[in-house]
């Protein structure tokens, strides 16, 4: 395990195959940690330098008191990349991690060579839906809404045939620090990255699971329409976490995109 102090936060990260060259950087989703990328990283298999980290409030990173903003998460990632001397990275962000990627690309284009935006958008949900979720967690904890979240995270097939994994991801979700989860809910509630999405000049690949109940395909398609150099693809037999359900497809898409963009 590796830890460092970045933007006044202790962040947990894993720097794999560090080398001179362009790095693939992974940012996790709300209620998860960087282990969601394990199978994708395995399939990329040492061919690329990779950096994975836990967003503030998640995994083993610090969980300061809520609320947070997307700008806070972006500042954390900027500080991490600068400390690791990583420039011109391929940033792969899932859900809120994808919003962090958008914010970073618009603010610091020198750090981002290209983007893979998974199951994310320029705006996710409404203030009312996020405030309702925050209130529910304050009253009953994350466990009180976990089943509804898992229905959006995973396809029907996954939930019925991979029960042990489903239970494990439920544990990951419910063991997320409450302040970290609520803090990031507030960041999502307050974020509208429409202007930032239009500013992104980097080549961008927008991907979404065909059964995603959190950021449905049409929402992700609307993001791709805002980003000037974006392509859009749907991943079959997956919902909100294709890195878990279809790591084979996601890794293949990332590698093909990386070979096309990063070697140019």
C-alpha atoms as a PDB file:
ATOM      1  CA  UNK A   1       0.000   0.000   0.000  1.00  0.00           C
ATOM      2  CA  UNK A   2       1.192   3.511  -0.801  1.00  0.00           C
ATOM      3  CA  UNK A   3       0.043   6.719   0.854  1.00  0.00           C
ATOM      4  CA  UNK A   4       0.927  10.358   0.381  1.00  0.00           C
ATOM      5  CA  UNK A   5      -0.172  13.816   1.404  1.00  0.00           C
ATOM      6  CA  UNK A   6      -1.713  15.664  -1.533  1.00  0.00           C
ATOM      7  CA  UNK A   7      -3.765  18.878  -1.360  1.00  0.00           C
ATOM      8  CA  UNK A   8      -3.792  18.535   2.438  1.00  0.00           C
ATOM      9  CA  UNK A   9      -5.334  15.038   2.197  1.00  0.00           C
ATOM     10  CA  UNK A  10      -3.803  11.618   2.733  1.00  0.00           C
ATOM     11  CA  UNK A  11      -4.613   9.611  -0.379  1.00  0.00           C
ATOM     12  CA  UNK A  12      -4.182   5.896  -0.906  1.00  0.00           C
ATOM     13  CA  UNK A  13      -2.812   4.989  -4.316  1.00  0.00           C
ATOM     14  CA  UNK A  14      -1.094   2.282  -6.328  1.00  0.00           C
ATOM     15  CA  UNK A  15       1.533   3.202  -8.901  1.00  0.00           C
ATOM     16  CA  UNK A  16       2.008   0.175 -11.165  1.00  0.00           C
ATOM     17  CA  UNK A  17       4.793  -0.245 -13.701  1.00  0.00           C
ATOM     18  CA  UNK A  18       6.005   3.346 -13.245  1.00  0.00           C
ATOM     19  CA  UNK A  19       8.186   4.301 -16.154  1.00  0.00           C
ATOM     20  CA  UNK A  20       9.029   7.189 -18.386  1.00  0.00           C
ATOM     21  CA  UNK A  21       6.052   7.537 -20.660  1.00  0.00           C
ATOM     22  CA  UNK A  22       2.382   8.211 -20.576  1.00  0.00           C
ATOM     23  CA  UNK A  23       0.398   6.750 -17.707  1.00  0.00           C
ATOM     24  CA  UNK A  24      -3.172   5.468 -17.495  1.00  0.00           C
ATOM     25  CA  UNK A  25      -4.802   7.001 -14.406  1.00  0.00           C
ATOM     26  CA  UNK A  26      -7.992   5.541 -12.910  1.00  0.00           C
ATOM     27  CA  UNK A  27     -10.529   7.410 -10.742  1.00  0.00           C
ATOM     28  CA  UNK A  28     -13.227   5.439  -8.908  1.00  0.00           C
ATOM     29  CA  UNK A  29     -16.955   5.966  -8.509  1.00  0.00           C
ATOM     30  CA  UNK A  30     -19.091   6.967  -5.526  1.00  0.00           C
ATOM     31  CA  UNK A  31     -19.143   4.266  -2.853  1.00  0.00           C
ATOM     32  CA  UNK A  32     -16.203   2.258  -4.228  1.00  0.00           C
ATOM     33  CA  UNK A  33     -12.412   2.279  -4.117  1.00  0.00           C
ATOM     34  CA  UNK A  34      -9.640   1.599  -6.599  1.00  0.00           C
ATOM     35  CA  UNK A  35     -10.116  -2.176  -6.345  1.00  0.00           C
ATOM     36  CA  UNK A  36     -12.979  -1.888  -8.845  1.00  0.00           C
ATOM     37  CA  UNK A  37     -10.255  -1.587 -11.506  1.00  0.00           C
ATOM     38  CA  UNK A  38      -8.407  -4.776 -10.498  1.00  0.00           C
ATOM     39  CA  UNK A  39      -9.557  -6.935 -13.396  1.00  0.00           C
ATOM     40  CA  UNK A  40      -9.032  -4.150 -15.926  1.00  0.00           C
ATOM     41  CA  UNK A  41      -5.500  -3.524 -14.622  1.00  0.00           C
ATOM     42  CA  UNK A  42      -4.732  -7.238 -14.768  1.00  0.00           C
ATOM     43  CA  UNK A  43      -5.772  -7.365 -18.409  1.00  0.00           C
ATOM     44  CA  UNK A  44      -3.631  -4.359 -19.249  1.00  0.00           C
ATOM     45  CA  UNK A  45      -0.929  -6.542 -17.787  1.00  0.00           C
ATOM     46  CA  UNK A  46       2.219  -4.470 -17.415  1.00  0.00           C
ATOM     47  CA  UNK A  47       2.064  -2.948 -20.866  1.00  0.00           C
ATOM     48  CA  UNK A  48       1.276   0.504 -19.500  1.00  0.00           C
ATOM     49  CA  UNK A  49       2.287   2.532 -16.463  1.00  0.00           C
ATOM     50  CA  UNK A  50      -0.880   2.776 -14.346  1.00  0.00           C
ATOM     51  CA  UNK A  51      -1.886   4.876 -11.366  1.00  0.00           C
ATOM     52  CA  UNK A  52      -4.974   4.046  -9.327  1.00  0.00           C
ATOM     53  CA  UNK A  53      -6.104   5.960  -6.258  1.00  0.00           C
ATOM     54  CA  UNK A  54      -8.982   6.212  -3.789  1.00  0.00           C
ATOM     55  CA  UNK A  55     -10.892   9.478  -4.043  1.00  0.00           C
ATOM     56  CA  UNK A  56     -11.051  11.467  -0.819  1.00  0.00           C
ATOM     57  CA  UNK A  57     -13.732  10.029   1.422  1.00  0.00           C
ATOM     58  CA  UNK A  58     -13.305   6.550  -0.069  1.00  0.00           C
ATOM     59  CA  UNK A  59     -11.230   3.446   0.547  1.00  0.00           C
ATOM     60  CA  UNK A  60      -8.173   4.197   2.661  1.00  0.00           C
ATOM     61  CA  UNK A  61      -7.932   7.877   1.738  1.00  0.00           C
ATOM     62  CA  UNK A  62      -8.844  10.603   4.220  1.00  0.00           C
ATOM     63  CA  UNK A  63     -12.552  11.289   4.764  1.00  0.00           C
ATOM     64  CA  UNK A  64     -12.788  14.916   5.905  1.00  0.00           C
ATOM     65  CA  UNK A  65     -16.140  16.303   7.026  1.00  0.00           C
ATOM     66  CA  UNK A  66     -18.769  16.838   4.325  1.00  0.00           C
ATOM     67  CA  UNK A  67     -19.486  18.566   2.023  1.00  0.00           C
ATOM     68  CA  UNK A  68     -16.983  18.305  -0.815  1.00  0.00           C
ATOM     69  CA  UNK A  69     -16.990  19.778  -4.300  1.00  0.00           C
ATOM     70  CA  UNK A  70     -15.835  18.427  -7.639  1.00  0.00           C
ATOM     71  CA  UNK A  71     -13.190  21.149  -7.462  1.00  0.00           C
ATOM     72  CA  UNK A  72     -11.869  19.524  -4.265  1.00  0.00           C
ATOM     73  CA  UNK A  73     -11.583  16.159  -6.004  1.00  0.00           C
ATOM     74  CA  UNK A  74      -9.917  17.770  -9.032  1.00  0.00           C
ATOM     75  CA  UNK A  75      -7.396  19.563  -6.819  1.00  0.00           C
ATOM     76  CA  UNK A  76      -6.562  16.254  -5.113  1.00  0.00           C
ATOM     77  CA  UNK A  77      -5.863  14.574  -8.448  1.00  0.00           C
ATOM     78  CA  UNK A  78      -3.812  17.502  -9.738  1.00  0.00           C
ATOM     79  CA  UNK A  79      -1.644  17.371  -6.599  1.00  0.00           C
ATOM     80  CA  UNK A  80      -1.223  13.598  -6.915  1.00  0.00           C
ATOM     81  CA  UNK A  81      -0.209  13.773 -10.574  1.00  0.00           C
ATOM     82  CA  UNK A  82       2.213  16.617  -9.959  1.00  0.00           C
ATOM     83  CA  UNK A  83       3.822  14.767  -7.045  1.00  0.00           C
ATOM     84  CA  UNK A  84       4.209  11.617  -9.160  1.00  0.00           C
ATOM     85  CA  UNK A  85       5.528  13.734 -12.081  1.00  0.00           C
ATOM     86  CA  UNK A  86       2.834  12.442 -14.413  1.00  0.00           C
ATOM     87  CA  UNK A  87       1.893  14.565 -17.416  1.00  0.00           C
ATOM     88  CA  UNK A  88      -0.174  13.884 -20.518  1.00  0.00           C
ATOM     89  CA  UNK A  89      -1.943  10.932 -18.884  1.00  0.00           C
ATOM     90  CA  UNK A  90      -4.889   8.975 -20.166  1.00  0.00           C
ATOM     91  CA  UNK A  91      -7.458   9.652 -17.442  1.00  0.00           C
ATOM     92  CA  UNK A  92     -10.079   6.925 -17.004  1.00  0.00           C
ATOM     93  CA  UNK A  93     -12.909   8.050 -14.734  1.00  0.00           C
ATOM     94  CA  UNK A  94     -16.064   6.220 -13.702  1.00  0.00           C
ATOM     95  CA  UNK A  95     -19.199   8.119 -12.608  1.00  0.00           C
ATOM     96  CA  UNK A  96     -17.995  10.848 -10.212  1.00  0.00           C
ATOM     97  CA  UNK A  97     -14.462   9.864 -11.252  1.00  0.00           C
ATOM     98  CA  UNK A  98     -15.486  10.794 -14.785  1.00  0.00           C
ATOM     99  CA  UNK A  99     -16.603  14.207 -13.588  1.00  0.00           C
ATOM    100  CA  UNK A 100     -13.237  14.642 -11.887  1.00  0.00           C
ATOM    101  CA  UNK A 101     -11.583  13.726 -15.195  1.00  0.00           C
ATOM    102  CA  UNK A 102     -13.655  16.332 -17.036  1.00  0.00           C
ATOM    103  CA  UNK A 103     -12.780  19.015 -14.523  1.00  0.00           C
ATOM    104  CA  UNK A 104      -9.088  18.197 -14.648  1.00  0.00           C
ATOM    105  CA  UNK A 105      -8.987  18.130 -18.458  1.00  0.00           C
ATOM    106  CA  UNK A 106     -10.614  21.554 -18.678  1.00  0.00           C
ATOM    107  CA  UNK A 107      -8.514  23.095 -15.916  1.00  0.00           C
ATOM    108  CA  UNK A 108      -5.136  21.469 -16.564  1.00  0.00           C
ATOM    109  CA  UNK A 109      -4.937  20.205 -20.143  1.00  0.00           C
ATOM    110  CA  UNK A 110      -1.183  19.706 -19.706  1.00  0.00           C
ATOM    111  CA  UNK A 111      -1.902  16.800 -17.364  1.00  0.00           C
ATOM    112  CA  UNK A 112      -4.436  15.002 -19.587  1.00  0.00           C
ATOM    113  CA  UNK A 113      -3.562  13.669 -23.040  1.00  0.00           C
ATOM    114  CA  UNK A 114      -6.917  11.913 -23.461  1.00  0.00           C
ATOM    115  CA  UNK A 115      -9.988  10.799 -21.519  1.00  0.00           C
ATOM    116  CA  UNK A 116     -12.044   7.652 -21.136  1.00  0.00           C
ATOM    117  CA  UNK A 117     -15.305   8.709 -19.460  1.00  0.00           C
ATOM    118  CA  UNK A 118     -17.197   5.678 -18.166  1.00  0.00           C
ATOM    119  CA  UNK A 119     -20.835   5.797 -17.074  1.00  0.00           C
ATOM    120  CA  UNK A 120     -20.728   9.492 -16.273  1.00  0.00           C
ATOM    121  CA  UNK A 121     -22.111  12.812 -17.473  1.00  0.00           C
ATOM    122  CA  UNK A 122     -21.696  16.558 -17.236  1.00  0.00           C
ATOM    123  CA  UNK A 123     -24.540  16.606 -14.708  1.00  0.00           C
ATOM    124  CA  UNK A 124     -25.854  13.601 -12.766  1.00  0.00           C
ATOM    125  CA  UNK A 125     -29.154  13.630 -10.902  1.00  0.00           C
ATOM    126  CA  UNK A 126     -30.913  16.649  -9.414  1.00  0.00           C
ATOM    127  CA  UNK A 127     -30.452  18.568  -6.169  1.00  0.00           C
ATOM    128  CA  UNK A 128     -33.642  16.986  -4.848  1.00  0.00           C
ATOM    129  CA  UNK A 129     -32.505  13.422  -5.520  1.00  0.00           C
ATOM    130  CA  UNK A 130     -29.095  14.000  -3.960  1.00  0.00           C
ATOM    131  CA  UNK A 131     -30.555  15.789  -0.934  1.00  0.00           C
ATOM    132  CA  UNK A 132     -32.976  12.901  -0.442  1.00  0.00           C
ATOM    133  CA  UNK A 133     -30.097  10.420  -0.549  1.00  0.00           C
ATOM    134  CA  UNK A 134     -28.076  12.460   1.935  1.00  0.00           C
ATOM    135  CA  UNK A 135     -31.054  12.640   4.290  1.00  0.00           C
ATOM    136  CA  UNK A 136     -31.678   8.896   4.024  1.00  0.00           C
ATOM    137  CA  UNK A 137     -28.065   8.131   4.886  1.00  0.00           C
ATOM    138  CA  UNK A 138     -28.055  10.551   7.795  1.00  0.00           C
ATOM    139  CA  UNK A 139     -31.101   8.736   9.193  1.00  0.00           C
ATOM    140  CA  UNK A 140     -30.363   5.110   8.381  1.00  0.00           C
ATOM    141  CA  UNK A 141     -26.801   4.784   7.165  1.00  0.00           C
ATOM    142  CA  UNK A 142     -25.591   3.653   3.766  1.00  0.00           C
ATOM    143  CA  UNK A 143     -26.975   0.147   4.359  1.00  0.00           C
ATOM    144  CA  UNK A 144     -30.519   1.545   4.302  1.00  0.00           C
ATOM    145  CA  UNK A 145     -30.206   2.403   0.585  1.00  0.00           C
ATOM    146  CA  UNK A 146     -27.644  -0.204  -0.475  1.00  0.00           C
ATOM    147  CA  UNK A 147     -30.042  -2.555  -2.275  1.00  0.00           C
ATOM    148  CA  UNK A 148     -31.396   0.243  -4.470  1.00  0.00           C
ATOM    149  CA  UNK A 149     -27.866   1.331  -5.352  1.00  0.00           C
ATOM    150  CA  UNK A 150     -26.781  -2.193  -6.241  1.00  0.00           C
ATOM    151  CA  UNK A 151     -29.716  -2.473  -8.631  1.00  0.00           C
ATOM    152  CA  UNK A 152     -28.296   0.490 -10.548  1.00  0.00           C
ATOM    153  CA  UNK A 153     -24.716  -0.715 -10.297  1.00  0.00           C
ATOM    154  CA  UNK A 154     -25.229  -4.219 -11.689  1.00  0.00           C
ATOM    155  CA  UNK A 155     -27.271  -5.941 -14.352  1.00  0.00           C
ATOM    156  CA  UNK A 156     -30.012  -8.422 -13.500  1.00  0.00           C
ATOM    157  CA  UNK A 157     -27.781 -11.251 -14.706  1.00  0.00           C
ATOM    158  CA  UNK A 158     -24.931 -10.236 -12.385  1.00  0.00           C
ATOM    159  CA  UNK A 159     -27.222  -9.886  -9.390  1.00  0.00           C
ATOM    160  CA  UNK A 160     -28.760 -13.332  -9.924  1.00  0.00           C
ATOM    161  CA  UNK A 161     -25.680 -15.359 -10.922  1.00  0.00           C
ATOM    162  CA  UNK A 162     -22.806 -13.765  -8.997  1.00  0.00           C
ATOM    163  CA  UNK A 163     -24.191 -13.612  -5.484  1.00  0.00           C
ATOM    164  CA  UNK A 164     -20.873 -13.778  -3.624  1.00  0.00           C
ATOM    165  CA  UNK A 165     -19.430 -10.885  -5.629  1.00  0.00           C
ATOM    166  CA  UNK A 166     -22.632  -8.921  -5.175  1.00  0.00           C
ATOM    167  CA  UNK A 167     -22.320  -9.343  -1.404  1.00  0.00           C
ATOM    168  CA  UNK A 168     -18.691  -8.236  -1.560  1.00  0.00           C
ATOM    169  CA  UNK A 169     -19.524  -5.066  -3.452  1.00  0.00           C
ATOM    170  CA  UNK A 170     -22.323  -4.392  -1.008  1.00  0.00           C
ATOM    171  CA  UNK A 171     -19.690  -4.561   1.730  1.00  0.00           C
ATOM    172  CA  UNK A 172     -17.478  -2.138  -0.176  1.00  0.00           C
ATOM    173  CA  UNK A 173     -20.386   0.277  -0.511  1.00  0.00           C
ATOM    174  CA  UNK A 174     -21.647   0.099   3.070  1.00  0.00           C
ATOM    175  CA  UNK A 175     -18.153   0.382   4.544  1.00  0.00           C
ATOM    176  CA  UNK A 176     -17.486   3.643   2.733  1.00  0.00           C
ATOM    177  CA  UNK A 177     -17.069   6.381   5.380  1.00  0.00           C
ATOM    178  CA  UNK A 178     -20.398   8.160   5.812  1.00  0.00           C
ATOM    179  CA  UNK A 179     -18.789  11.602   5.645  1.00  0.00           C
ATOM    180  CA  UNK A 180     -16.953  10.588   2.487  1.00  0.00           C
ATOM    181  CA  UNK A 181     -20.090   9.272   0.838  1.00  0.00           C
ATOM    182  CA  UNK A 182     -22.258  12.224   1.823  1.00  0.00           C
ATOM    183  CA  UNK A 183     -19.485  14.671   1.013  1.00  0.00           C
ATOM    184  CA  UNK A 184     -19.253  13.316  -2.518  1.00  0.00           C
ATOM    185  CA  UNK A 185     -23.052  13.240  -2.866  1.00  0.00           C
ATOM    186  CA  UNK A 186     -22.915  16.976  -2.201  1.00  0.00           C
ATOM    187  CA  UNK A 187     -20.206  17.361  -4.857  1.00  0.00           C
ATOM    188  CA  UNK A 188     -22.422  15.570  -7.377  1.00  0.00           C
ATOM    189  CA  UNK A 189     -25.465  17.579  -6.323  1.00  0.00           C
ATOM    190  CA  UNK A 190     -23.709  20.880  -6.901  1.00  0.00           C
ATOM    191  CA  UNK A 191     -21.811  19.974 -10.074  1.00  0.00           C
ATOM    192  CA  UNK A 192     -22.754  21.158 -13.532  1.00  0.00           C
ATOM    193  CA  UNK A 193     -19.829  20.602 -15.887  1.00  0.00           C
ATOM    194  CA  UNK A 194     -21.613  21.568 -19.091  1.00  0.00           C
ATOM    195  CA  UNK A 195     -19.217  24.453 -19.716  1.00  0.00           C
ATOM    196  CA  UNK A 196     -16.175  22.341 -18.829  1.00  0.00           C
ATOM    197  CA  UNK A 197     -17.280  19.522 -21.153  1.00  0.00           C
ATOM    198  CA  UNK A 198     -17.423  21.963 -24.052  1.00  0.00           C
ATOM    199  CA  UNK A 199     -13.888  23.117 -23.217  1.00  0.00           C
ATOM    200  CA  UNK A 200     -12.352  19.645 -23.438  1.00  0.00           C
ATOM    201  CA  UNK A 201     -10.035  19.505 -26.433  1.00  0.00           C
ATOM    202  CA  UNK A 202      -8.519  16.092 -25.733  1.00  0.00           C
ATOM    203  CA  UNK A 203      -9.587  12.962 -27.622  1.00  0.00           C
ATOM    204  CA  UNK A 204     -12.324  11.397 -25.512  1.00  0.00           C
ATOM    205  CA  UNK A 205     -14.055   8.029 -25.441  1.00  0.00           C
ATOM    206  CA  UNK A 206     -17.434   7.900 -23.650  1.00  0.00           C
ATOM    207  CA  UNK A 207     -18.479   4.403 -22.591  1.00  0.00           C
ATOM    208  CA  UNK A 208     -21.601   3.171 -20.792  1.00  0.00           C
ATOM    209  CA  UNK A 209     -23.102  -0.147 -19.769  1.00  0.00           C
ATOM    210  CA  UNK A 210     -26.281  -0.873 -21.697  1.00  0.00           C
ATOM    211  CA  UNK A 211     -28.196  -1.548 -18.445  1.00  0.00           C
ATOM    212  CA  UNK A 212     -26.806   1.369 -16.428  1.00  0.00           C
ATOM    213  CA  UNK A 213     -29.526   2.591 -14.074  1.00  0.00           C
ATOM    214  CA  UNK A 214     -27.495   5.479 -12.633  1.00  0.00           C
ATOM    215  CA  UNK A 215     -26.188   7.178 -15.787  1.00  0.00           C
ATOM    216  CA  UNK A 216     -28.244   5.628 -18.615  1.00  0.00           C
ATOM    217  CA  UNK A 217     -26.859   5.411 -22.158  1.00  0.00           C
ATOM    218  CA  UNK A 218     -28.784   8.442 -23.396  1.00  0.00           C
ATOM    219  CA  UNK A 219     -27.329  10.598 -20.619  1.00  0.00           C
ATOM    220  CA  UNK A 220     -23.789   9.519 -21.472  1.00  0.00           C
ATOM    221  CA  UNK A 221     -24.542  10.076 -25.150  1.00  0.00           C
ATOM    222  CA  UNK A 222     -25.546  13.646 -24.276  1.00  0.00           C
ATOM    223  CA  UNK A 223     -22.136  14.145 -22.672  1.00  0.00           C
ATOM    224  CA  UNK A 224     -20.394  12.856 -25.799  1.00  0.00           C
ATOM    225  CA  UNK A 225     -22.364  15.396 -27.845  1.00  0.00           C
ATOM    226  CA  UNK A 226     -20.917  18.222 -25.735  1.00  0.00           C
ATOM    227  CA  UNK A 227     -17.270  17.167 -25.933  1.00  0.00           C
ATOM    228  CA  UNK A 228     -15.878  18.255 -29.313  1.00  0.00           C
ATOM    229  CA  UNK A 229     -13.664  15.190 -29.969  1.00  0.00           C
ATOM    230  CA  UNK A 230     -15.705  12.478 -28.257  1.00  0.00           C
ATOM    231  CA  UNK A 231     -16.744   9.043 -29.466  1.00  0.00           C
ATOM    232  CA  UNK A 232     -19.537   7.053 -27.825  1.00  0.00           C
ATOM    233  CA  UNK A 233     -19.927   3.311 -27.295  1.00  0.00           C
ATOM    234  CA  UNK A 234     -22.286   1.065 -25.347  1.00  0.00           C
ATOM    235  CA  UNK A 235     -20.878  -1.934 -23.466  1.00  0.00           C
ATOM    236  CA  UNK A 236     -23.253  -4.924 -23.625  1.00  0.00           C
ATOM    237  CA  UNK A 237     -24.256  -7.034 -20.629  1.00  0.00           C
ATOM    238  CA  UNK A 238     -23.193  -4.441 -18.069  1.00  0.00           C
ATOM    239  CA  UNK A 239     -24.734  -1.743 -15.907  1.00  0.00           C
ATOM    240  CA  UNK A 240     -23.001   1.091 -14.007  1.00  0.00           C
ATOM    241  CA  UNK A 241     -19.756  -0.761 -13.232  1.00  0.00           C
ATOM    242  CA  UNK A 242     -18.533  -2.322 -16.493  1.00  0.00           C
ATOM    243  CA  UNK A 243     -15.066  -2.543 -14.932  1.00  0.00           C
ATOM    244  CA  UNK A 244     -16.541  -5.261 -12.710  1.00  0.00           C
ATOM    245  CA  UNK A 245     -19.060  -6.900 -15.046  1.00  0.00           C
ATOM    246  CA  UNK A 246     -17.163  -6.717 -18.349  1.00  0.00           C
ATOM    247  CA  UNK A 247     -13.518  -5.966 -17.593  1.00  0.00           C
ATOM    248  CA  UNK A 248     -12.558  -7.837 -20.757  1.00  0.00           C
ATOM    249  CA  UNK A 249     -14.441  -5.422 -22.991  1.00  0.00           C
ATOM    250  CA  UNK A 250     -13.485  -2.330 -21.017  1.00  0.00           C
ATOM    251  CA  UNK A 251      -9.781  -3.220 -20.938  1.00  0.00           C
ATOM    252  CA  UNK A 252      -9.825  -3.912 -24.682  1.00  0.00           C
ATOM    253  CA  UNK A 253     -11.487  -0.537 -25.386  1.00  0.00           C
ATOM    254  CA  UNK A 254      -9.024   1.304 -23.151  1.00  0.00           C
ATOM    255  CA  UNK A 255      -6.006  -0.424 -24.688  1.00  0.00           C
ATOM    256  CA  UNK A 256      -7.105   0.175 -28.259  1.00  0.00           C
ATOM    257  CA  UNK A 257      -7.789   3.838 -27.488  1.00  0.00           C
ATOM    258  CA  UNK A 258      -4.478   4.181 -25.649  1.00  0.00           C
ATOM    259  CA  UNK A 259      -2.515   2.680 -28.529  1.00  0.00           C
ATOM    260  CA  UNK A 260      -4.228   5.029 -30.971  1.00  0.00           C
ATOM    261  CA  UNK A 261      -3.883   8.192 -28.895  1.00  0.00           C
ATOM    262  CA  UNK A 262      -0.940   7.798 -26.560  1.00  0.00           C
ATOM    263  CA  UNK A 263       1.568   6.740 -29.175  1.00  0.00           C
ATOM    264  CA  UNK A 264       0.718   9.643 -31.474  1.00  0.00           C
END
